[in-house]
Amino acid sequence: MESHVSHRNRLWLYIFVGLVVFYLVAPALIVVPVSFSSTTSLAFPPAGWSTRWYEAFFGQEKWIGSLWVSLRVAFGTMILATVTGIAASYALHMSGFRLRTAIRATLVSPLAVPAILIAVGIFFVFARLGGLLNTIHGLILGHAVVAMPFVILTMSAGFESFDMSQEMVARSLGASRFKAFMTVTLPQLKFSVATAMLLAFLVSFDELIISLMVSSGPVSTLSRVTFATLRDDVDPTLAAVSTLMLVMTSVPPLILHIVTTRSKREDA
């Protein structure tokens, strides 16, 4: 028989978890006030307040250009990784092939392989093929390698929780496999698809190592330009960039979580 543990007795656990969360989150949040500093150096707490570093960010071509490149690449990666990842997840889920576990493990293996090894391998493949280095298409293909495992894992979980007999009923009524998938299966997995798309976008937007290996100059992503600036010239503009990236990578998942939770409550 399980005994109830009161909140008072678990107070130490709440405090411990709170300290761990604070330790993990605090370094990221410090850049927010630093980005509004009026001084020319990184200092916390700021001696004064100003938006000059955000004005500097939006007023310099290198930042705006790299941001536009990152958004284009992230959007392209999201489309490519989501389409191929959903197709692969569906095929592996429906197939009775004995090696499907090994194939799934191979497809998600970029999560376990060091990023630098993947980046070097992509660089040599692109160099051998030609025409892909320093291009948007090359960046999209490279980022899709590390983004697709997140799509496959997310969609595999979605397919496992879905009753595939609904699709079989649609097919028994005359619908083709593709039509049954698009009109019956996929709409009911819309939150899994949205999560997979968001993860693919964020993975691409934050990707640095592959971008360092396969892009430069006008095709540099925001993360690559940030890294180069951090190495050569440190100023609070980097804090403004970090704050913007923090907002872009934290607000969309929060919105998706709120929408998903509200939709599930309405369905219940």
Protein backbone atom coordinates (compact mmCIF):
# COMPACT_ATOMS: atom_id res chain seq x y z
CA MET A 1 0.00 0.00 0.00
CA GLU A 2 1.45 3.32 -1.10
CA SER A 3 1.70 6.07 1.48
CA HIS A 4 0.98 9.68 0.59
CA VAL A 5 3.96 12.03 0.82
CA SER A 6 2.96 15.56 1.76
CA HIS A 7 4.24 18.62 -0.03
CA ARG A 8 6.03 19.65 3.16
CA ASN A 9 8.08 16.45 3.13
CA ARG A 10 8.90 17.00 -0.54
CA LEU A 11 9.93 20.61 -0.02
CA TRP A 12 13.61 19.72 -0.30
CA LEU A 13 12.95 18.14 -3.70
CA TYR A 14 11.14 21.25 -4.96
CA ILE A 15 14.04 23.42 -3.82
CA PHE A 16 16.60 21.15 -5.44
CA VAL A 17 14.73 21.04 -8.75
CA GLY A 18 14.29 24.83 -8.64
CA LEU A 19 18.03 25.34 -8.12
CA VAL A 20 18.87 22.98 -10.99
CA VAL A 21 16.45 24.78 -13.33
CA PHE A 22 17.85 28.15 -12.25
CA TYR A 23 21.41 26.91 -12.87
CA LEU A 24 20.48 25.80 -16.39
CA VAL A 25 18.34 28.80 -17.36
CA ALA A 26 20.09 31.72 -15.65
CA PRO A 27 23.09 31.92 -18.04
CA ALA A 28 20.75 32.20 -21.02
CA LEU A 29 18.57 34.84 -19.37
CA ILE A 30 21.52 37.04 -18.37
CA VAL A 31 22.07 38.02 -22.00
CA VAL A 32 18.65 39.71 -22.07
CA PRO A 33 19.51 42.65 -19.79
CA VAL A 34 23.05 42.77 -21.18
CA SER A 35 21.61 43.31 -24.66
CA PHE A 36 20.03 46.57 -23.45
CA SER A 37 23.30 47.91 -22.07
CA SER A 38 24.35 51.45 -22.97
CA THR A 39 28.07 50.64 -22.69
CA THR A 40 30.32 49.24 -25.41
CA SER A 41 31.34 46.19 -23.42
CA LEU A 42 29.56 43.15 -22.05
CA ALA A 43 28.77 43.91 -18.43
CA PHE A 44 26.23 42.63 -15.95
CA PRO A 45 24.38 44.37 -14.50
CA PRO A 46 24.33 47.07 -17.20
CA ALA A 47 25.50 50.55 -16.17
CA GLY A 48 22.73 52.08 -18.30
CA TRP A 49 19.90 51.10 -20.60
CA SER A 50 19.69 51.53 -24.36
CA THR A 51 18.41 49.85 -27.52
CA ARG A 52 21.48 50.87 -29.51
CA TRP A 53 22.64 47.29 -29.97
CA TYR A 54 19.33 46.20 -31.49
CA GLU A 55 19.57 49.22 -33.78
CA ALA A 56 23.10 48.10 -34.66
CA PHE A 57 21.84 44.60 -35.43
CA PHE A 58 19.04 45.73 -37.73
CA GLY A 59 21.27 48.40 -39.29
CA GLN A 60 24.15 46.15 -40.40
CA GLU A 61 23.95 44.13 -43.58
CA LYS A 62 26.00 41.25 -42.19
CA TRP A 63 23.43 40.58 -39.48
CA ILE A 64 20.30 41.07 -41.57
CA GLY A 65 21.78 39.11 -44.47
CA SER A 66 22.79 36.20 -42.26
CA LEU A 67 19.38 36.23 -40.54
CA TRP A 68 17.67 36.02 -43.93
CA VAL A 69 19.95 33.14 -44.93
CA SER A 70 19.19 31.30 -41.68
CA LEU A 71 15.45 31.72 -42.12
CA ARG A 72 15.55 30.50 -45.73
CA VAL A 73 17.69 27.51 -44.83
CA ALA A 74 15.61 26.67 -41.75
CA PHE A 75 12.37 26.85 -43.72
CA GLY A 76 13.78 24.69 -46.53
CA THR A 77 15.18 22.21 -44.03
CA MET A 78 11.83 22.07 -42.27
CA ILE A 79 10.04 21.18 -45.51
CA LEU A 80 12.61 18.64 -46.67
CA ALA A 81 13.13 16.94 -43.30
CA THR A 82 9.41 16.84 -42.50
CA VAL A 83 8.36 15.33 -45.83
CA THR A 84 11.13 12.73 -45.92
CA GLY A 85 10.87 12.01 -42.20
CA ILE A 86 7.11 11.44 -42.32
CA ALA A 87 7.47 9.20 -45.36
CA ALA A 88 10.23 7.17 -43.69
CA SER A 89 8.33 6.89 -40.40
CA TYR A 90 5.16 5.77 -42.16
CA ALA A 91 7.01 3.21 -44.27
CA LEU A 92 8.82 1.77 -41.27
CA HIS A 93 5.61 1.64 -39.21
CA MET A 94 3.56 -0.09 -41.90
CA SER A 95 6.28 -2.40 -43.16
CA GLY A 96 6.81 -5.88 -41.78
CA PHE A 97 10.42 -5.85 -42.97
CA ARG A 98 12.65 -7.62 -40.47
CA LEU A 99 15.41 -5.02 -40.68
CA ARG A 100 13.17 -2.03 -40.02
CA THR A 101 14.59 -1.60 -36.50
CA ALA A 102 18.09 -1.45 -37.91
CA ILE A 103 16.99 0.98 -40.62
CA ARG A 104 15.29 3.24 -38.05
CA ALA A 105 18.44 3.17 -35.91
CA THR A 106 20.51 4.14 -38.95
CA LEU A 107 18.21 7.04 -39.80
CA VAL A 108 18.38 8.47 -36.28
CA SER A 109 22.10 7.76 -35.84
CA PRO A 110 23.10 11.42 -36.46
CA LEU A 111 21.85 12.07 -32.92
CA ALA A 112 24.63 9.83 -31.58
CA VAL A 113 27.42 10.74 -34.00
CA PRO A 114 29.56 13.81 -33.11
CA ALA A 115 28.47 16.80 -35.16
CA ILE A 116 31.99 17.51 -36.36
CA LEU A 117 32.22 14.07 -37.98
CA ILE A 118 28.92 14.60 -39.78
CA ALA A 119 30.04 18.06 -40.91
CA VAL A 120 33.37 16.78 -42.26
CA GLY A 121 31.64 13.94 -44.07
CA ILE A 122 29.11 16.32 -45.64
CA PHE A 123 31.93 18.65 -46.68
CA PHE A 124 33.81 15.89 -48.53
CA VAL A 125 30.64 14.59 -50.19
CA PHE A 126 29.69 18.09 -51.36
CA ALA A 127 33.23 18.73 -52.58
CA ARG A 128 33.18 15.51 -54.58
CA LEU A 129 29.74 16.20 -56.08
CA GLY A 130 30.47 19.86 -56.76
CA GLY A 131 28.08 22.80 -56.83
CA LEU A 132 26.78 22.42 -53.27
CA LEU A 133 29.38 24.21 -51.14
CA ASN A 134 28.49 27.82 -50.26
CA THR A 135 24.92 27.40 -51.52
CA ILE A 136 21.52 27.56 -49.88
CA HIS A 137 20.65 24.15 -51.30
CA GLY A 138 23.79 22.64 -49.83
CA LEU A 139 23.00 24.08 -46.41
CA ILE A 140 19.46 22.72 -46.57
CA LEU A 141 20.69 19.24 -47.48
CA GLY A 142 23.31 19.33 -44.75
CA HIS A 143 20.94 20.57 -42.07
CA ALA A 144 18.32 18.01 -43.10
CA VAL A 145 20.74 15.24 -42.11
CA VAL A 146 20.67 16.33 -38.45
CA ALA A 147 17.04 17.52 -38.46
CA MET A 148 15.39 14.42 -39.91
CA PRO A 149 16.06 12.18 -36.86
CA PHE A 150 13.90 14.50 -34.74
CA VAL A 151 11.10 14.22 -37.30
CA ILE A 152 11.38 10.42 -37.42
CA LEU A 153 11.28 10.04 -33.64
CA THR A 154 8.35 12.42 -33.29
CA MET A 155 6.30 10.90 -36.09
CA SER A 156 7.11 7.32 -35.04
CA ALA A 157 5.62 8.09 -31.64
CA GLY A 158 2.59 9.59 -33.37
CA PHE A 159 2.05 6.56 -35.58
CA GLU A 160 2.39 4.23 -32.59
CA SER A 161 -0.48 6.01 -30.84
CA PHE A 162 -2.71 6.12 -33.92
CA ASP A 163 -5.25 3.43 -34.75
CA MET A 164 -4.23 2.44 -38.28
CA SER A 165 -7.48 0.54 -38.77
CA GLN A 166 -9.10 3.89 -39.58
CA GLU A 167 -6.89 4.20 -42.62
CA MET A 168 -7.64 0.60 -43.58
CA VAL A 169 -11.37 1.37 -43.44
CA ALA A 170 -10.88 4.33 -45.79
CA ARG A 171 -8.94 2.16 -48.20
CA SER A 172 -11.61 -0.58 -48.05
CA LEU A 173 -14.14 2.06 -49.14
CA GLY A 174 -12.18 2.79 -52.30
CA ALA A 175 -9.63 5.41 -51.26
CA SER A 176 -6.08 4.96 -52.47
CA ARG A 177 -3.31 4.55 -49.89
CA PHE A 178 -2.09 8.10 -50.51
CA LYS A 179 -5.57 9.62 -50.29
CA ALA A 180 -6.39 7.66 -47.14
CA PHE A 181 -3.12 8.80 -45.58
CA MET A 182 -3.65 12.46 -46.50
CA THR A 183 -7.33 12.66 -45.54
CA VAL A 184 -7.58 10.27 -42.57
CA THR A 185 -4.21 9.57 -40.97
CA LEU A 186 -2.28 12.82 -41.34
CA PRO A 187 -5.02 15.19 -40.10
CA GLN A 188 -5.29 13.22 -36.87
CA LEU A 189 -1.54 13.48 -36.37
CA LYS A 190 -1.49 17.24 -36.93
CA PHE A 191 0.14 18.00 -33.58
CA SER A 192 2.88 15.44 -34.20
CA VAL A 193 3.46 16.99 -37.63
CA ALA A 194 3.54 20.50 -36.16
CA THR A 195 6.01 19.40 -33.50
CA ALA A 196 8.21 17.68 -36.07
CA MET A 197 8.20 20.76 -38.31
CA LEU A 198 9.05 23.05 -35.41
CA LEU A 199 11.90 20.83 -34.24
CA ALA A 200 13.35 20.65 -37.75
CA PHE A 201 13.16 24.43 -38.10
CA LEU A 202 14.83 25.07 -34.74
CA VAL A 203 17.57 22.49 -35.29
CA SER A 204 18.45 24.11 -38.60
CA PHE A 205 18.24 27.65 -37.25
CA ASP A 206 20.67 26.84 -34.41
CA GLU A 207 23.02 24.61 -36.40
CA LEU A 208 26.63 25.85 -36.37
CA ILE A 209 29.14 23.07 -37.10
CA ILE A 210 27.76 22.10 -40.52
CA SER A 211 27.36 25.76 -41.42
CA LEU A 212 31.03 26.37 -40.59
CA MET A 213 32.09 23.58 -42.94
CA VAL A 214 29.89 24.15 -45.98
CA SER A 215 29.15 27.90 -46.08
CA SER A 216 30.92 31.23 -45.98
CA GLY A 217 30.63 34.80 -47.24
CA PRO A 218 27.15 35.84 -48.38
CA VAL A 219 25.76 32.37 -47.60
CA SER A 220 26.78 32.50 -43.92
CA THR A 221 24.05 31.73 -41.43
CA LEU A 222 23.32 33.81 -38.34
CA SER A 223 24.97 31.28 -36.04
CA ARG A 224 28.10 31.29 -38.19
CA VAL A 225 28.35 35.08 -38.25
CA THR A 226 27.75 35.16 -34.49
CA PHE A 227 30.57 32.68 -33.94
CA ALA A 228 32.95 34.66 -36.15
CA THR A 229 32.06 37.92 -34.39
CA LEU A 230 32.51 36.33 -30.98
CA ARG A 231 35.98 35.24 -32.02
CA ASP A 232 37.09 38.54 -33.55
CA ASP A 233 35.17 41.39 -31.92
CA VAL A 234 33.05 41.09 -28.77
CA ASP A 235 30.40 43.77 -28.18
CA PRO A 236 26.83 43.83 -26.82
CA THR A 237 25.46 43.30 -30.31
CA LEU A 238 26.15 39.63 -29.64
CA ALA A 239 23.88 39.82 -26.60
CA ALA A 240 21.14 41.34 -28.77
CA VAL A 241 21.60 38.53 -31.31
CA SER A 242 21.52 35.93 -28.55
CA THR A 243 18.35 37.44 -27.13
CA LEU A 244 16.63 37.36 -30.53
CA MET A 245 17.69 33.75 -31.05
CA LEU A 246 16.49 32.89 -27.56
CA VAL A 247 13.08 34.36 -28.36
CA MET A 248 12.86 32.56 -31.71
CA THR A 249 13.76 29.19 -30.19
CA SER A 250 11.63 29.40 -27.04
CA VAL A 251 8.45 31.29 -27.94
CA PRO A 252 7.25 29.02 -30.83
CA PRO A 253 7.46 25.81 -28.72
CA LEU A 254 5.63 27.57 -25.91
CA ILE A 255 2.87 28.67 -28.28
CA LEU A 256 2.61 25.15 -29.73
CA HIS A 257 2.36 23.69 -26.23
CA ILE A 258 -0.42 26.10 -25.27
CA VAL A 259 -2.36 25.42 -28.48
CA THR A 260 -1.94 21.65 -28.11
CA THR A 261 -3.02 21.66 -24.47
CA ARG A 262 -6.06 23.84 -25.21
CA SER A 263 -7.08 21.66 -28.14
CA LYS A 264 -6.84 18.47 -26.07
CA ARG A 265 -8.96 20.02 -23.33
CA GLU A 266 -11.61 21.03 -25.87
CA ASP A 267 -11.61 17.52 -27.37
CA ALA A 268 -11.99 15.99 -23.92
